[in-house]
Amino acid sequence: MSGCEKKTIRDCLVSALDSIQRNEDDASDVLERILPRLVSLGLNRGNLFSDPEISIELQAGENRSIGRVIEENREGYLISLENMDIYAEVAGRLYQEGNQRDALPAVGDWVILDLPPGQNMGIVQYTLPRTSALVRKMAGKREKVQVIAANVDRCFIIVGLDGNFNLRRMERFLVAVAGGGSHPVILLSKADLLEKEEIENFVGIALAAAPGIDVIPFSSVSGMGLERVESLLQPGLTVCFIGSSGVGKSTLLNVIAGIELAVTGEVRVDSKGRHTTTQRQIYVLDSGAMILDTPGIRELALWDATLGVSETFHDVLSFGSDCRFSDCTHVHEPGCGILKALDEGELSRSRYESFLKLNREASALEARTDSRQREARKKKERKISTERKKLLNNRLKK
């Protein structure tokens, strides 16, 4: 890819994307050379550039660039570019596509935006395909969703040991995280409030609900467990903190960073005395790891969660290999391996009922979204075909 030094960053990026899609060996090296800051923010992680529409969108305007959303609030977005950070708003057409969860950006997203000359506000035109997403249904909005965090490598599910511990809520978080494509870790906060035996009991309960998942009790006060937590914060990784209000997410962030990043003035106190962060934001640590802090969440509604259910309840589904019928619902069928395990005490009643509830919810959502996804895919394919023809015609005219 010689001669890139004489091109604009946009043109170099287009060339790099073409090389990536042709599986050329030097594509990642080119990205690191022309966009070192964005690469440090995770630009070359995952399969971000698999969509051919990305090159089309970049070439659709002379002043287009790529960046990562590092903050979202009621006023708009803060985007990190290669050479600066800039506030941005969303192009009006994206709001028209708002029923598609891929349309509107969220914190952690990579976006293509216009940078109008002489203005200090960008305009987001396109959101790159996500490698992972933490999603919930919007409160009171039928069939509409909200992306809480995007392109997250690990998700720390923080549960307080001060009365906040709720096993069913933890299972719901696990399903949402696994279904969204990131790796869950359970952190049990405020461990300094309990005796060793009590902590071990809660760890055992959490491990039973999350086989194979790391469960780490910690205390931001005493320092217990913080070394294990920090070992998971590796350079270039994006880690999301989720959990109910008041479980200690902001406190943990401040302790890990060594300074007060989550400022007290940025939180409000609700009528029940719980502190609630009012915006979503990525913090870049000195180590190179990135932490995405989210507002306090008490409940998550599932979305596209069939995979999350199968991963979170794989211990339950392992009994299903003995089911007589391949389409067994595990509710009333004769010869059901899961019901047999339940009857014989190998599976607890509470674990079984939680599995049924979340599995029904995920299956119902999957059935309702299939037709919409097919239509959205066809619409996208038509758009790519039209834009390709325009680009080809423009090149022929030159």
Protein backbone atom coordinates (compact mmCIF):
# COMPACT_ATOMS: atom_id res chain seq x y z
CA MET A 1 0.00 0.00 0.00
CA SER A 2 2.69 2.42 -1.07
CA GLY A 3 1.97 6.12 -1.47
CA CYS A 4 -0.40 6.31 1.47
CA GLU A 5 1.66 9.16 2.92
CA LYS A 6 0.41 11.40 0.09
CA LYS A 7 -3.27 10.66 0.69
CA THR A 8 -5.77 11.95 3.21
CA ILE A 9 -6.52 9.83 6.27
CA ARG A 10 -9.89 9.02 4.74
CA ASP A 11 -8.35 7.75 1.50
CA CYS A 12 -5.72 5.75 3.41
CA LEU A 13 -8.45 4.17 5.52
CA VAL A 14 -10.44 3.23 2.41
CA SER A 15 -7.31 1.57 0.98
CA ALA A 16 -6.74 -0.24 4.28
CA LEU A 17 -10.34 -1.49 4.33
CA ASP A 18 -10.01 -2.81 0.80
CA SER A 19 -6.87 -4.68 1.87
CA ILE A 20 -8.63 -6.11 4.93
CA GLN A 21 -11.52 -7.39 2.82
CA ARG A 22 -8.99 -8.97 0.42
CA ASN A 23 -7.22 -10.55 3.44
CA GLU A 24 -3.90 -8.89 2.64
CA ASP A 25 -1.21 -9.36 5.28
CA ASP A 26 -0.24 -5.71 5.81
CA ALA A 27 -3.75 -4.31 6.41
CA SER A 28 -3.48 -4.21 10.22
CA ASP A 29 0.00 -2.66 10.00
CA VAL A 30 -1.38 0.12 7.83
CA LEU A 31 -4.14 0.84 10.34
CA GLU A 32 -1.60 1.07 13.16
CA ARG A 33 0.55 3.44 11.12
CA ILE A 34 -2.16 5.87 10.01
CA LEU A 35 -4.51 5.67 13.02
CA PRO A 36 -2.41 4.73 16.09
CA ARG A 37 -4.70 6.46 18.58
CA LEU A 38 -7.84 4.77 17.28
CA VAL A 39 -6.07 1.40 17.15
CA SER A 40 -5.24 1.85 20.84
CA LEU A 41 -8.99 2.37 21.38
CA GLY A 42 -9.71 -1.00 19.76
CA LEU A 43 -10.16 -0.14 16.06
CA ASN A 44 -8.50 -3.35 14.86
CA ARG A 45 -10.23 -5.68 17.33
CA GLY A 46 -12.82 -8.17 16.14
CA ASN A 47 -14.35 -8.12 12.68
CA LEU A 48 -15.34 -4.46 12.49
CA PHE A 49 -14.67 -4.06 8.77
CA SER A 50 -16.56 -7.05 7.37
CA ASP A 51 -19.35 -4.88 5.94
CA PRO A 52 -18.67 -3.60 2.38
CA GLU A 53 -20.94 -0.62 3.11
CA ILE A 54 -18.18 0.93 5.26
CA SER A 55 -16.01 1.91 2.28
CA ILE A 56 -19.07 3.25 0.48
CA GLU A 57 -20.03 5.43 3.44
CA LEU A 58 -16.47 6.77 3.85
CA GLN A 59 -16.34 7.81 0.20
CA ALA A 60 -19.81 9.43 0.26
CA GLY A 61 -18.38 12.74 1.52
CA GLU A 62 -15.09 14.63 1.23
CA ASN A 63 -14.97 15.46 4.95
CA ARG A 64 -15.81 12.05 6.40
CA SER A 65 -13.81 10.35 9.12
CA ILE A 66 -14.08 7.47 11.54
CA GLY A 67 -14.17 7.60 15.35
CA ARG A 68 -15.38 5.89 18.51
CA VAL A 69 -18.24 7.09 20.70
CA ILE A 70 -16.78 7.64 24.16
CA GLU A 71 -19.69 9.46 25.79
CA GLU A 72 -23.46 9.63 25.36
CA ASN A 73 -25.81 11.96 27.19
CA ARG A 74 -29.04 13.82 26.55
CA GLU A 75 -27.28 16.47 24.47
CA GLY A 76 -25.54 14.10 22.05
CA TYR A 77 -22.27 12.21 21.64
CA LEU A 78 -18.57 12.79 22.23
CA ILE A 79 -16.49 11.08 19.52
CA SER A 80 -12.77 10.27 19.68
CA LEU A 81 -11.06 10.82 16.32
CA GLU A 82 -7.41 10.20 15.49
CA ASN A 83 -6.32 13.78 16.25
CA MET A 84 -9.04 15.17 18.53
CA ASP A 85 -12.35 14.62 20.33
CA ILE A 86 -15.47 16.27 18.93
CA TYR A 87 -19.11 16.52 19.88
CA ALA A 88 -21.56 15.16 17.32
CA GLU A 89 -25.23 14.82 16.60
CA VAL A 90 -26.96 12.11 14.58
CA ALA A 91 -28.08 12.60 10.97
CA GLY A 92 -31.85 12.89 10.72
CA ARG A 93 -32.21 9.85 8.49
CA LEU A 94 -30.81 7.62 11.25
CA TYR A 95 -33.71 8.58 13.51
CA GLN A 96 -36.05 7.38 10.78
CA GLU A 97 -34.26 4.04 10.95
CA GLY A 98 -34.40 4.06 14.76
CA ASN A 99 -36.51 0.89 14.90
CA GLN A 100 -33.39 -0.95 13.73
CA ARG A 101 -31.08 -1.22 16.69
CA ASP A 102 -28.03 -0.94 14.39
CA ALA A 103 -29.01 2.56 13.24
CA LEU A 104 -28.47 4.82 16.26
CA PRO A 105 -25.02 4.85 17.89
CA ALA A 106 -24.25 3.98 21.51
CA VAL A 107 -21.18 4.32 23.72
CA GLY A 108 -18.44 2.05 22.41
CA ASP A 109 -19.66 2.20 18.81
CA TRP A 110 -17.41 2.98 15.87
CA VAL A 111 -19.03 5.52 13.57
CA ILE A 112 -18.45 7.36 10.30
CA LEU A 113 -19.19 11.05 10.60
CA ASP A 114 -19.14 14.22 8.55
CA LEU A 115 -16.83 17.02 9.77
CA PRO A 116 -18.20 20.19 8.11
CA PRO A 117 -15.36 22.75 7.60
CA GLY A 118 -15.40 25.63 10.06
CA GLN A 119 -17.80 23.91 12.47
CA ASN A 120 -17.10 22.33 15.85
CA MET A 121 -19.91 19.75 15.63
CA GLY A 122 -19.78 16.49 13.67
CA ILE A 123 -22.73 14.62 12.13
CA VAL A 124 -22.87 10.83 12.57
CA GLN A 125 -23.85 9.20 9.27
CA TYR A 126 -23.22 5.49 9.85
CA THR A 127 -22.61 3.02 12.67
CA LEU A 128 -20.15 0.20 11.97
CA PRO A 129 -21.29 -3.39 12.60
CA ARG A 130 -20.84 -4.29 16.26
CA THR A 131 -18.70 -7.12 17.56
CA SER A 132 -20.90 -7.20 20.67
CA ALA A 133 -23.76 -5.26 22.22
CA LEU A 134 -25.53 -5.09 25.55
CA VAL A 135 -29.18 -4.44 24.70
CA ARG A 136 -32.44 -3.94 26.53
CA LYS A 137 -35.98 -3.07 25.51
CA MET A 138 -36.82 0.60 25.94
CA ALA A 139 -39.09 1.25 28.89
CA GLY A 140 -42.70 1.53 27.73
CA LYS A 141 -41.71 1.11 24.06
CA ARG A 142 -43.12 -2.02 22.48
CA GLU A 143 -40.58 -3.78 20.27
CA LYS A 144 -38.03 -0.94 20.52
CA VAL A 145 -34.60 -1.48 22.01
CA GLN A 146 -31.81 0.50 23.61
CA VAL A 147 -28.15 -0.40 23.16
CA ILE A 148 -26.45 0.24 26.49
CA ALA A 149 -22.89 -0.60 25.41
CA ALA A 150 -21.24 -1.67 22.15
CA ASN A 151 -18.03 -3.48 21.17
CA VAL A 152 -17.35 -4.65 24.71
CA ASP A 153 -14.81 -7.45 25.29
CA ARG A 154 -15.66 -8.21 28.93
CA CYS A 155 -18.64 -7.29 31.04
CA PHE A 156 -18.30 -7.02 34.81
CA ILE A 157 -21.65 -7.81 36.42
CA ILE A 158 -21.36 -6.14 39.81
CA VAL A 159 -23.58 -7.43 42.61
CA GLY A 160 -23.51 -5.99 46.12
CA LEU A 161 -23.24 -8.18 49.22
CA ASP A 162 -25.10 -5.59 51.28
CA GLY A 163 -28.65 -6.78 50.52
CA ASN A 164 -28.44 -6.20 46.75
CA PHE A 165 -27.71 -9.86 45.98
CA ASN A 166 -30.48 -11.23 43.73
CA LEU A 167 -29.80 -14.53 41.96
CA ARG A 168 -32.60 -14.21 39.39
CA ARG A 169 -31.44 -10.73 38.39
CA MET A 170 -27.88 -12.03 38.09
CA GLU A 171 -29.05 -14.79 35.74
CA ARG A 172 -30.87 -12.21 33.62
CA PHE A 173 -27.70 -10.10 33.39
CA LEU A 174 -25.71 -13.21 32.40
CA VAL A 175 -28.18 -14.04 29.60
CA ALA A 176 -28.09 -10.46 28.28
CA VAL A 177 -24.27 -10.31 28.33
CA ALA A 178 -23.64 -13.74 26.78
CA GLY A 179 -26.36 -13.19 24.20
CA GLY A 180 -24.78 -9.87 23.24
CA GLY A 181 -21.43 -11.45 22.44
CA SER A 182 -19.17 -10.36 25.30
CA HIS A 183 -17.61 -12.37 28.12
CA PRO A 184 -19.26 -12.04 31.56
CA VAL A 185 -17.42 -11.83 34.89
CA ILE A 186 -19.28 -11.62 38.21
CA LEU A 187 -17.91 -9.22 40.84
CA LEU A 188 -19.32 -9.39 44.36
CA SER A 189 -18.81 -5.93 45.85
CA LYS A 190 -18.65 -4.75 49.48
CA ALA A 191 -17.16 -8.02 50.66
CA ASP A 192 -15.65 -6.21 53.66
CA LEU A 193 -19.13 -6.18 55.23
CA LEU A 194 -19.24 -9.98 55.60
CA GLU A 195 -17.31 -12.72 57.34
CA LYS A 196 -15.21 -15.16 55.30
CA GLU A 197 -17.77 -17.98 55.58
CA GLU A 198 -20.59 -15.72 54.39
CA ILE A 199 -18.54 -14.58 51.40
CA GLU A 200 -17.75 -18.17 50.46
CA ASN A 201 -21.44 -19.02 50.61
CA PHE A 202 -22.35 -16.23 48.17
CA VAL A 203 -19.49 -17.21 45.86
CA GLY A 204 -20.82 -20.78 45.83
CA ILE A 205 -24.33 -19.59 44.97
CA ALA A 206 -23.00 -17.43 42.13
CA LEU A 207 -20.82 -20.24 40.75
CA ALA A 208 -23.83 -22.58 40.70
CA ALA A 209 -25.73 -20.01 38.62
CA ALA A 210 -22.77 -19.30 36.34
CA PRO A 211 -20.74 -22.49 35.73
CA GLY A 212 -17.36 -21.70 34.19
CA ILE A 213 -17.63 -17.95 34.85
CA ASP A 214 -15.13 -16.08 37.05
CA VAL A 215 -16.69 -14.97 40.35
CA ILE A 216 -14.57 -12.45 42.30
CA PRO A 217 -15.52 -11.03 45.71
CA PHE A 218 -13.89 -7.65 46.30
CA SER A 219 -13.89 -4.58 48.49
CA SER A 220 -13.01 -1.08 47.34
CA VAL A 221 -12.49 -0.22 51.03
CA SER A 222 -10.12 -2.99 52.15
CA GLY A 223 -8.61 -3.76 48.74
CA MET A 224 -9.66 -7.41 48.89
CA GLY A 225 -9.84 -8.97 45.41
CA LEU A 226 -8.78 -5.82 43.54
CA GLU A 227 -5.60 -7.44 42.19
CA ARG A 228 -7.68 -10.14 40.48
CA VAL A 229 -10.03 -7.51 39.06
CA GLU A 230 -7.17 -5.39 37.70
CA SER A 231 -5.56 -8.45 36.05
CA LEU A 232 -8.58 -8.62 33.73
CA LEU A 233 -8.14 -5.01 32.59
CA GLN A 234 -5.66 -5.52 29.77
CA PRO A 235 -4.45 -2.91 27.24
CA GLY A 236 -6.81 -2.46 24.31
CA LEU A 237 -9.71 -4.28 25.99
CA THR A 238 -13.05 -2.58 26.59
CA VAL A 239 -14.71 -3.62 29.83
CA CYS A 240 -18.27 -2.67 30.75
CA PHE A 241 -19.54 -2.23 34.32
CA ILE A 242 -23.22 -3.09 34.85
CA GLY A 243 -25.25 -3.55 37.99
CA SER A 244 -27.99 -2.01 40.07
CA SER A 245 -27.66 1.51 41.43
CA GLY A 246 -25.46 1.80 44.48
CA VAL A 247 -23.49 -1.44 44.07
CA GLY A 248 -20.19 0.46 43.86
CA LYS A 249 -19.43 0.71 40.14
CA SER A 250 -18.17 4.30 40.27
CA THR A 251 -16.24 3.66 43.48
CA LEU A 252 -14.47 0.68 41.89
CA LEU A 253 -13.65 2.75 38.81
CA ASN A 254 -12.10 5.50 40.95
CA VAL A 255 -10.04 3.03 42.98
CA ILE A 256 -8.72 1.26 39.87
CA ALA A 257 -7.88 4.54 38.11
CA GLY A 258 -6.19 5.96 41.19
CA ILE A 259 -8.03 9.26 40.74
CA GLU A 260 -11.63 10.39 40.93
CA LEU A 261 -12.91 9.79 37.39
CA ALA A 262 -16.56 9.23 38.27
CA VAL A 263 -17.09 12.56 40.03
CA THR A 264 -19.73 12.80 42.73
CA GLY A 265 -21.19 15.84 41.01
CA GLU A 266 -22.07 13.69 37.99
CA VAL A 267 -24.52 11.57 39.94
CA ARG A 268 -27.91 12.30 41.39
CA VAL A 269 -29.66 10.79 44.40
CA ASP A 270 -33.12 9.41 43.80
CA SER A 271 -35.99 9.29 46.26
CA LYS A 272 -34.71 6.05 47.73
CA GLY A 273 -31.26 7.44 48.43
CA ARG A 274 -29.45 5.53 45.70
CA HIS A 275 -26.74 7.24 43.66
CA THR A 276 -27.30 6.91 39.91
CA THR A 277 -24.82 7.82 37.16
CA THR A 278 -26.67 9.91 34.58
CA GLN A 279 -24.58 9.22 31.47
CA ARG A 280 -22.69 6.41 29.75
CA GLN A 281 -19.00 7.01 29.21
CA ILE A 282 -15.72 5.27 28.34
CA TYR A 283 -12.74 5.95 30.59
CA VAL A 284 -9.25 5.16 29.24
CA LEU A 285 -6.92 3.99 32.01
CA ASP A 286 -3.16 4.56 32.10
CA SER A 287 -2.75 0.83 31.47
CA GLY A 288 -4.48 1.18 28.10
CA ALA A 289 -7.62 -0.66 29.20
CA MET A 290 -10.98 1.03 28.69
CA ILE A 291 -13.88 0.97 31.15
CA LEU A 292 -17.44 1.71 30.05
CA ASP A 293 -19.57 2.83 32.98
CA THR A 294 -23.36 2.66 32.68
CA PRO A 295 -26.24 4.15 34.66
CA GLY A 296 -27.59 1.91 37.40
CA ILE A 297 -29.80 -0.85 36.02
CA ARG A 298 -32.27 -2.79 38.13
CA GLU A 299 -33.78 -4.94 35.38
CA LEU A 300 -32.85 -5.88 31.82
CA ALA A 301 -35.43 -6.93 29.27
CA LEU A 302 -33.93 -9.52 26.94
CA TRP A 303 -33.38 -9.09 23.22
CA ASP A 304 -31.89 -11.66 20.80
CA ALA A 305 -31.16 -13.71 23.91
CA THR A 306 -31.51 -17.31 22.66
CA LEU A 307 -27.73 -17.71 22.56
CA GLY A 308 -27.44 -16.10 25.98
CA VAL A 309 -29.89 -18.60 27.46
CA SER A 310 -28.04 -21.57 25.98
CA GLU A 311 -24.69 -20.33 27.33
CA THR A 312 -25.96 -19.28 30.76
CA PHE A 313 -28.01 -22.44 31.33
CA HIS A 314 -25.76 -24.97 29.62
CA ASP A 315 -25.79 -27.00 32.85
CA VAL A 316 -29.58 -27.30 32.57
CA LEU A 317 -29.52 -28.01 28.83
CA SER A 318 -26.91 -30.73 29.31
CA PHE A 319 -29.69 -32.89 30.78
CA GLY A 320 -31.68 -32.24 27.60
CA SER A 321 -29.41 -34.55 25.60
CA ASP A 322 -31.42 -37.43 27.10
CA CYS A 323 -34.80 -36.06 25.93
CA ARG A 324 -36.89 -38.49 23.88
CA PHE A 325 -38.11 -35.78 21.50
CA SER A 326 -35.86 -33.35 19.61
CA ASP A 327 -38.44 -30.53 19.96
CA CYS A 328 -38.99 -31.12 23.68
CA THR A 329 -40.18 -28.02 25.55
CA HIS A 330 -39.00 -29.48 28.89
CA VAL A 331 -42.38 -28.77 30.45
CA HIS A 332 -44.64 -31.82 30.17
CA GLU A 333 -43.24 -34.24 27.60
CA PRO A 334 -42.63 -37.89 28.59
CA GLY A 335 -38.99 -38.89 28.46
CA CYS A 336 -37.69 -35.36 29.12
CA GLY A 337 -34.14 -35.49 30.44
CA ILE A 338 -34.43 -32.13 32.19
CA LEU A 339 -37.64 -33.10 34.02
CA LYS A 340 -35.98 -36.36 35.02
CA ALA A 341 -33.03 -34.46 36.50
CA LEU A 342 -35.50 -32.23 38.34
CA ASP A 343 -37.38 -35.23 39.79
CA GLU A 344 -34.17 -36.94 40.87
CA GLY A 345 -32.78 -33.84 42.59
CA GLU A 346 -29.91 -33.27 40.17
CA LEU A 347 -31.44 -29.92 39.18
CA SER A 348 -32.91 -27.40 41.62
CA ARG A 349 -36.48 -26.21 41.19
CA SER A 350 -35.47 -22.51 41.27
CA ARG A 351 -32.79 -22.99 38.59
CA TYR A 352 -35.26 -24.90 36.40
CA GLU A 353 -37.99 -22.25 36.73
CA SER A 354 -35.56 -19.44 35.97
CA PHE A 355 -34.44 -21.31 32.84
CA LEU A 356 -38.03 -21.80 31.68
CA LYS A 357 -38.93 -18.14 32.21
CA LEU A 358 -35.93 -16.72 30.36
CA ASN A 359 -36.09 -19.34 27.61
CA ARG A 360 -39.76 -18.58 26.89
CA GLU A 361 -39.04 -14.86 26.78
CA ALA A 362 -36.07 -15.30 24.43
CA SER A 363 -37.99 -17.67 22.13
CA ALA A 364 -40.97 -15.33 21.87
CA LEU A 365 -38.72 -12.38 21.02
CA GLU A 366 -36.85 -14.41 18.42
CA ALA A 367 -40.10 -15.33 16.67
CA ARG A 368 -41.26 -11.70 16.56
CA THR A 369 -37.97 -10.31 15.25
CA ASP A 370 -37.24 -12.82 12.47
CA SER A 371 -39.47 -11.16 9.86
CA ARG A 372 -38.20 -7.65 10.69
CA GLN A 373 -34.60 -8.77 10.41
CA ARG A 374 -35.21 -10.29 6.99
CA GLU A 375 -36.77 -7.06 5.72
CA ALA A 376 -33.95 -4.92 7.18
CA ARG A 377 -31.36 -7.18 5.52
CA LYS A 378 -33.06 -6.85 2.11
CA LYS A 379 -33.24 -3.07 2.49
CA LYS A 380 -29.54 -2.90 3.32
CA GLU A 381 -28.59 -5.08 0.34
CA ARG A 382 -30.58 -2.83 -2.00
CA LYS A 383 -28.83 0.26 -0.59
CA ILE A 384 -25.34 -1.25 -1.04
CA SER A 385 -26.15 -2.19 -4.65
CA THR A 386 -27.40 1.35 -5.42
CA GLU A 387 -24.39 3.07 -3.82
CA ARG A 388 -21.94 0.79 -5.63
CA LYS A 389 -23.51 1.74 -8.96
CA LYS A 390 -23.19 5.44 -8.08
CA LEU A 391 -19.50 5.06 -7.19
CA LEU A 392 -18.82 3.15 -10.41
CA ASN A 393 -20.60 5.79 -12.52
CA ASN A 394 -18.62 8.57 -10.81
CA ARG A 395 -15.34 6.77 -11.53
CA LEU A 396 -16.30 6.25 -15.18
CA LYS A 397 -17.10 9.96 -15.56
CA LYS A 398 -13.61 10.82 -14.30
